[in-house]
């Protein structure tokens, strides 16, 4: 299957806009579950306001949040897919730029030193483009995640001492959730990376934070850690928007990787309640939009 680069550009534009305006169903269901179990009156009131905001935004085809985020695109290339790597990256950049220039989207991307804003949501090494591969035949998947600064500022890394064991991992995660408090716009998805190198660990935390609710770590030990931490963070009393309550997080997600015998990295990357994402799947039959 040869991938049409014009279709990639159009999809990169479309799914950026779609991600900003339509919340995935798993997140909406997550709100319903939290609302059904919230016992704090203030927490329940805040959740109701947040749910109403989602309904109003979607009904008016407006942005779910004014922060259009740092644009992240994940490209997953299946078997028997013909595509030029540089060409597809260029097409994504063009699509990202068009999304910002053709629609009333705030460009939040600036140069790190001069703070100059090109008003394209693009810049040096941005959008972030991650490329991976799958065993799916004649399929290319393009995912878009607009990561807002409120949640992205809730990013942390620690090189734990192996002798401290899993307790050090748990303590680090809980302490960072407490430290972030309401600044990350809870209820959140707390992404945790364990193992690998420092950079891989941070990447795993981002992957975990942006996984759909209801998914589970494929590593058995990671899945156990998810269950324990998910229960623990909702006993902290931080609650929706940090104003108190049971609903601090939709879930804690964990991703793991093998690591060196003398180290044990742990990373936290938090996703806010507006856990936005969208996707486009390319097959010989055409392009299908989803989440």
Protein backbone atom coordinates (compact mmCIF):
# COMPACT_ATOMS: atom_id res chain seq x y z
CA UNK A 1 0.00 0.00 0.00
CA UNK A 2 1.40 3.38 -1.01
CA UNK A 3 0.38 6.22 1.29
CA UNK A 4 -1.00 9.40 -0.32
CA UNK A 5 0.94 12.31 1.21
CA UNK A 6 -1.82 14.82 0.46
CA UNK A 7 -4.19 12.60 2.43
CA UNK A 8 -1.68 12.51 5.30
CA UNK A 9 -1.48 16.31 5.31
CA UNK A 10 -5.25 16.65 5.30
CA UNK A 11 -5.61 14.06 8.06
CA UNK A 12 -2.93 15.76 10.21
CA UNK A 13 -4.96 18.96 9.96
CA UNK A 14 -8.34 17.30 10.53
CA UNK A 15 -7.40 15.22 13.57
CA UNK A 16 -5.74 18.21 15.27
CA UNK A 17 -9.03 20.10 15.04
CA UNK A 18 -11.05 17.00 15.92
CA UNK A 19 -8.94 16.33 19.02
CA UNK A 20 -9.50 19.88 20.24
CA UNK A 21 -13.28 19.77 19.80
CA UNK A 22 -14.48 16.20 20.45
CA UNK A 23 -13.64 14.31 23.64
CA UNK A 24 -13.17 10.52 23.29
CA UNK A 25 -16.01 8.37 24.61
CA UNK A 26 -13.80 6.60 27.16
CA UNK A 27 -13.11 9.93 28.87
CA UNK A 28 -16.81 10.84 28.90
CA UNK A 29 -17.56 7.46 30.47
CA UNK A 30 -14.77 8.14 32.96
CA UNK A 31 -16.54 11.32 34.03
CA UNK A 32 -19.78 9.37 34.53
CA UNK A 33 -18.03 6.80 36.72
CA UNK A 34 -16.41 9.47 38.89
CA UNK A 35 -19.67 11.40 39.18
CA UNK A 36 -21.44 8.25 40.37
CA UNK A 37 -18.92 7.62 43.14
CA UNK A 38 -17.98 11.16 44.25
CA UNK A 39 -19.04 11.73 47.87
CA UNK A 40 -17.84 15.30 48.37
CA UNK A 41 -20.46 17.98 47.60
CA UNK A 42 -17.94 20.43 46.18
CA UNK A 43 -16.30 17.72 44.14
CA UNK A 44 -19.64 16.63 42.72
CA UNK A 45 -20.55 20.24 41.84
CA UNK A 46 -17.24 20.78 40.06
CA UNK A 47 -17.63 17.54 38.11
CA UNK A 48 -21.10 18.64 37.00
CA UNK A 49 -19.70 21.92 35.70
CA UNK A 50 -16.94 20.12 33.83
CA UNK A 51 -19.38 17.69 32.24
CA UNK A 52 -21.59 20.61 31.20
CA UNK A 53 -18.58 22.37 29.67
CA UNK A 54 -17.90 19.31 27.50
CA UNK A 55 -21.53 19.16 26.35
CA UNK A 56 -21.66 22.89 25.50
CA UNK A 57 -18.31 22.84 23.68
CA UNK A 58 -19.27 19.89 21.50
CA UNK A 59 -22.78 21.20 20.80
CA UNK A 60 -21.30 24.49 19.58
CA UNK A 61 -18.31 22.88 17.83
CA UNK A 62 -16.08 24.93 20.10
CA UNK A 63 -12.76 24.11 21.75
CA UNK A 64 -12.88 21.89 24.82
CA UNK A 65 -10.05 23.97 26.28
CA UNK A 66 -8.47 27.24 25.16
CA UNK A 67 -5.01 25.63 25.38
CA UNK A 68 -4.40 24.00 21.99
CA UNK A 69 -1.36 22.34 23.48
CA UNK A 70 1.93 21.07 22.16
CA UNK A 71 1.08 19.02 19.04
CA UNK A 72 2.22 15.40 19.24
CA UNK A 73 1.76 13.01 16.32
CA UNK A 74 2.33 9.26 16.59
CA UNK A 75 2.87 7.43 13.29
CA UNK A 76 2.47 3.64 13.43
CA UNK A 77 3.47 1.94 10.19
CA UNK A 78 2.19 -1.55 9.46
CA UNK A 79 3.48 -4.24 7.12
CA UNK A 80 3.57 -3.70 3.36
CA UNK A 81 3.17 0.06 3.69
CA UNK A 82 5.20 2.21 1.30
CA UNK A 83 6.03 5.67 2.61
CA UNK A 84 9.02 8.01 2.62
CA UNK A 85 9.87 8.97 6.21
CA UNK A 86 10.89 12.58 5.52
CA UNK A 87 7.94 13.13 3.19
CA UNK A 88 5.44 11.99 5.82
CA UNK A 89 7.05 14.22 8.46
CA UNK A 90 6.83 17.19 6.09
CA UNK A 91 3.17 16.40 5.35
CA UNK A 92 2.36 16.32 9.07
CA UNK A 93 4.02 19.70 9.63
CA UNK A 94 2.03 21.19 6.76
CA UNK A 95 -1.21 19.76 8.16
CA UNK A 96 -0.45 21.02 11.66
CA UNK A 97 0.28 24.50 10.28
CA UNK A 98 -2.93 24.54 8.25
CA UNK A 99 -5.01 23.52 11.27
CA UNK A 100 -3.74 26.57 13.14
CA UNK A 101 -3.91 29.05 10.26
CA UNK A 102 -7.23 27.95 8.75
CA UNK A 103 -9.11 27.71 12.05
CA UNK A 104 -9.30 29.99 15.11
CA UNK A 105 -6.76 28.01 17.11
CA UNK A 106 -4.32 29.69 19.45
CA UNK A 107 -0.76 28.80 18.60
CA UNK A 108 0.98 28.09 21.89
CA UNK A 109 4.37 27.13 20.44
CA UNK A 110 7.30 29.53 20.90
CA UNK A 111 11.09 29.45 20.63
CA UNK A 112 12.52 28.39 24.02
CA UNK A 113 14.99 31.29 24.22
CA UNK A 114 13.50 34.19 22.26
CA UNK A 115 9.85 33.20 22.97
CA UNK A 116 9.01 34.17 19.38
CA UNK A 117 5.72 32.64 18.22
CA UNK A 118 5.46 31.70 14.53
CA UNK A 119 1.66 31.27 14.89
CA UNK A 120 1.75 27.87 13.21
CA UNK A 121 1.81 25.56 16.27
CA UNK A 122 5.14 24.46 14.78
CA UNK A 123 8.77 25.30 15.46
CA UNK A 124 12.15 23.67 15.89
CA UNK A 125 11.50 19.91 16.38
CA UNK A 126 7.77 20.62 16.80
CA UNK A 127 5.30 19.10 16.19
CA UNK A 128 6.69 16.15 18.08
CA UNK A 129 6.55 13.17 15.71
CA UNK A 130 7.04 9.64 17.07
CA UNK A 131 7.36 6.81 14.56
CA UNK A 132 6.77 3.16 15.43
CA UNK A 133 5.80 -0.04 13.64
CA UNK A 134 3.08 -2.69 13.93
CA UNK A 135 2.31 -6.10 12.42
CA UNK A 136 -1.00 -4.94 10.93
CA UNK A 137 -1.01 -5.49 7.17
CA UNK A 138 -1.39 -2.51 4.84
CA UNK A 139 -2.29 -0.09 7.60
CA UNK A 140 -0.82 3.22 8.70
CA UNK A 141 -2.17 4.83 11.86
CA UNK A 142 -1.75 8.54 12.57
CA UNK A 143 -2.54 9.67 16.11
CA UNK A 144 -2.72 13.27 17.32
CA UNK A 145 -2.40 14.36 20.95
CA UNK A 146 -2.55 18.06 21.87
CA UNK A 147 -0.79 18.16 25.25
CA UNK A 148 -1.65 21.26 27.26
CA UNK A 149 0.98 22.99 29.38
CA UNK A 150 -0.96 22.65 32.62
CA UNK A 151 -0.69 18.88 32.49
CA UNK A 152 2.72 18.77 30.77
CA UNK A 153 4.17 20.84 33.60
CA UNK A 154 3.24 17.84 35.74
CA UNK A 155 6.23 15.89 34.44
CA UNK A 156 8.83 14.39 36.75
CA UNK A 157 11.77 11.96 36.63
CA UNK A 158 13.76 10.21 39.35
CA UNK A 159 16.61 7.71 39.03
CA UNK A 160 15.67 5.42 41.91
CA UNK A 161 18.12 3.13 43.68
CA UNK A 162 17.29 -0.51 42.85
CA UNK A 163 17.66 -1.56 46.51
CA UNK A 164 14.72 0.71 47.38
CA UNK A 165 12.45 -1.57 45.36
CA UNK A 166 8.93 -0.92 44.17
CA UNK A 167 8.08 1.07 47.31
CA UNK A 168 10.31 3.88 46.06
CA UNK A 169 8.41 3.91 42.76
CA UNK A 170 5.05 4.11 44.54
CA UNK A 171 6.21 6.84 46.91
CA UNK A 172 7.58 8.94 44.05
CA UNK A 173 4.33 8.75 42.10
CA UNK A 174 2.14 9.61 45.09
CA UNK A 175 4.41 12.48 46.15
CA UNK A 176 4.35 13.97 42.63
CA UNK A 177 0.55 13.77 42.43
CA UNK A 178 0.36 15.62 45.75
CA UNK A 179 2.91 18.18 44.55
CA UNK A 180 0.99 18.81 41.32
CA UNK A 181 -2.30 19.20 43.20
CA UNK A 182 -4.88 21.16 41.25
CA UNK A 183 -2.38 22.69 38.80
CA UNK A 184 -2.81 19.77 36.39
CA UNK A 185 -6.60 20.21 36.11
CA UNK A 186 -7.80 16.98 37.77
CA UNK A 187 -9.37 14.50 37.44
CA UNK A 188 -6.34 13.28 35.56
CA UNK A 189 -4.75 10.26 33.99
CA UNK A 190 -1.46 9.76 35.80
CA UNK A 191 1.07 8.24 33.41
CA UNK A 192 3.95 6.35 34.98
CA UNK A 193 7.04 5.00 33.24
CA UNK A 194 9.25 2.49 35.04
CA UNK A 195 12.60 1.27 33.74
CA UNK A 196 14.54 1.84 30.55
CA UNK A 197 16.87 4.82 30.28
CA UNK A 198 15.99 8.30 31.51
CA UNK A 199 14.64 9.40 28.10
CA UNK A 200 12.80 6.14 27.42
CA UNK A 201 11.26 6.27 30.90
CA UNK A 202 9.87 9.76 30.26
CA UNK A 203 8.50 8.61 26.90
CA UNK A 204 6.81 5.62 28.53
CA UNK A 205 5.14 7.93 31.04
CA UNK A 206 3.73 10.00 28.16
CA UNK A 207 2.51 6.85 26.40
CA UNK A 208 0.84 5.73 29.63
CA UNK A 209 -0.79 9.13 30.22
CA UNK A 210 -2.34 9.18 26.75
CA UNK A 211 -3.63 5.59 26.64
CA UNK A 212 -7.42 5.12 26.48
CA UNK A 213 -9.19 4.58 29.80
CA UNK A 214 -9.94 0.90 30.34
CA UNK A 215 -6.70 -0.23 28.74
CA UNK A 216 -4.18 -2.13 30.85
CA UNK A 217 -0.42 -2.43 30.95
CA UNK A 218 0.64 -5.55 29.01
CA UNK A 219 3.28 -6.31 31.64
CA UNK A 220 1.75 -8.23 34.56
CA UNK A 221 3.78 -6.39 37.19
CA UNK A 222 2.95 -3.05 35.58
CA UNK A 223 -0.75 -3.93 35.64
CA UNK A 224 -0.54 -4.71 39.38
CA UNK A 225 1.13 -1.37 39.99
CA UNK A 226 -1.61 0.41 38.01
CA UNK A 227 -4.34 -1.10 40.19
CA UNK A 228 -2.59 -0.21 43.46
CA UNK A 229 -1.74 3.35 42.46
CA UNK A 230 -5.16 4.05 40.93
CA UNK A 231 -6.76 3.23 44.27
CA UNK A 232 -4.18 5.18 46.25
CA UNK A 233 -4.33 8.50 44.40
CA UNK A 234 -8.08 8.80 44.90
CA UNK A 235 -7.65 8.68 48.66
CA UNK A 236 -5.55 11.88 48.64
CA UNK A 237 -8.54 14.25 48.75
CA UNK A 238 -7.26 16.53 45.97
CA UNK A 239 -10.47 16.13 43.97
CA UNK A 240 -11.71 17.82 40.78
CA UNK A 241 -9.68 20.96 39.95
CA UNK A 242 -7.92 20.50 43.29
CA UNK A 243 -10.93 21.73 45.25
CA UNK A 244 -11.40 18.56 47.28
CA UNK A 245 -13.11 15.24 46.78
CA UNK A 246 -12.59 11.62 45.78
CA UNK A 247 -12.07 12.18 42.05
CA UNK A 248 -8.40 13.05 41.79
CA UNK A 249 -7.71 10.74 38.82
CA UNK A 250 -9.59 8.69 36.27
CA UNK A 251 -6.78 6.16 36.57
CA UNK A 252 -3.06 5.62 36.92
CA UNK A 253 -1.54 4.00 33.83
CA UNK A 254 1.88 2.33 33.88
CA UNK A 255 4.29 1.35 31.11
CA UNK A 256 7.50 -0.59 31.79
CA UNK A 257 10.79 -1.40 30.10
CA UNK A 258 13.83 -3.45 31.01
CA UNK A 259 16.56 -1.41 32.67
CA UNK A 260 20.15 -1.60 33.91
CA UNK A 261 21.03 -3.62 37.01
CA UNK A 262 22.34 -0.51 38.81
CA UNK A 263 19.39 1.83 38.26
CA UNK A 264 15.60 2.01 38.25
CA UNK A 265 14.19 5.13 36.59
CA UNK A 266 10.62 6.20 37.35
CA UNK A 267 8.82 8.99 35.50
CA UNK A 268 5.45 10.69 35.90
CA UNK A 269 3.58 12.50 33.14
CA UNK A 270 0.08 13.71 33.94
CA UNK A 271 -2.79 14.17 31.49
CA UNK A 272 -5.53 16.64 32.42
CA UNK A 273 -9.27 15.94 32.49
CA UNK A 274 -9.53 17.14 28.89
CA UNK A 275 -7.65 14.06 27.71
CA UNK A 276 -7.82 14.91 24.04
CA UNK A 277 -6.72 12.68 21.19
CA UNK A 278 -7.80 11.74 17.67
CA UNK A 279 -6.61 9.36 14.97
CA UNK A 280 -6.76 8.56 11.28
CA UNK A 281 -6.24 5.03 9.94
CA UNK A 282 -5.08 4.59 6.35
CA UNK A 283 -5.87 1.32 4.55
CA UNK A 284 -6.43 0.40 0.88
CA UNK A 285 -10.14 1.15 1.52
CA UNK A 286 -9.45 4.79 2.47
CA UNK A 287 -9.07 6.89 5.63
CA UNK A 288 -11.10 6.30 8.80
CA UNK A 289 -11.22 8.85 11.62
CA UNK A 290 -11.34 7.76 15.25
CA UNK A 291 -9.75 8.25 18.67
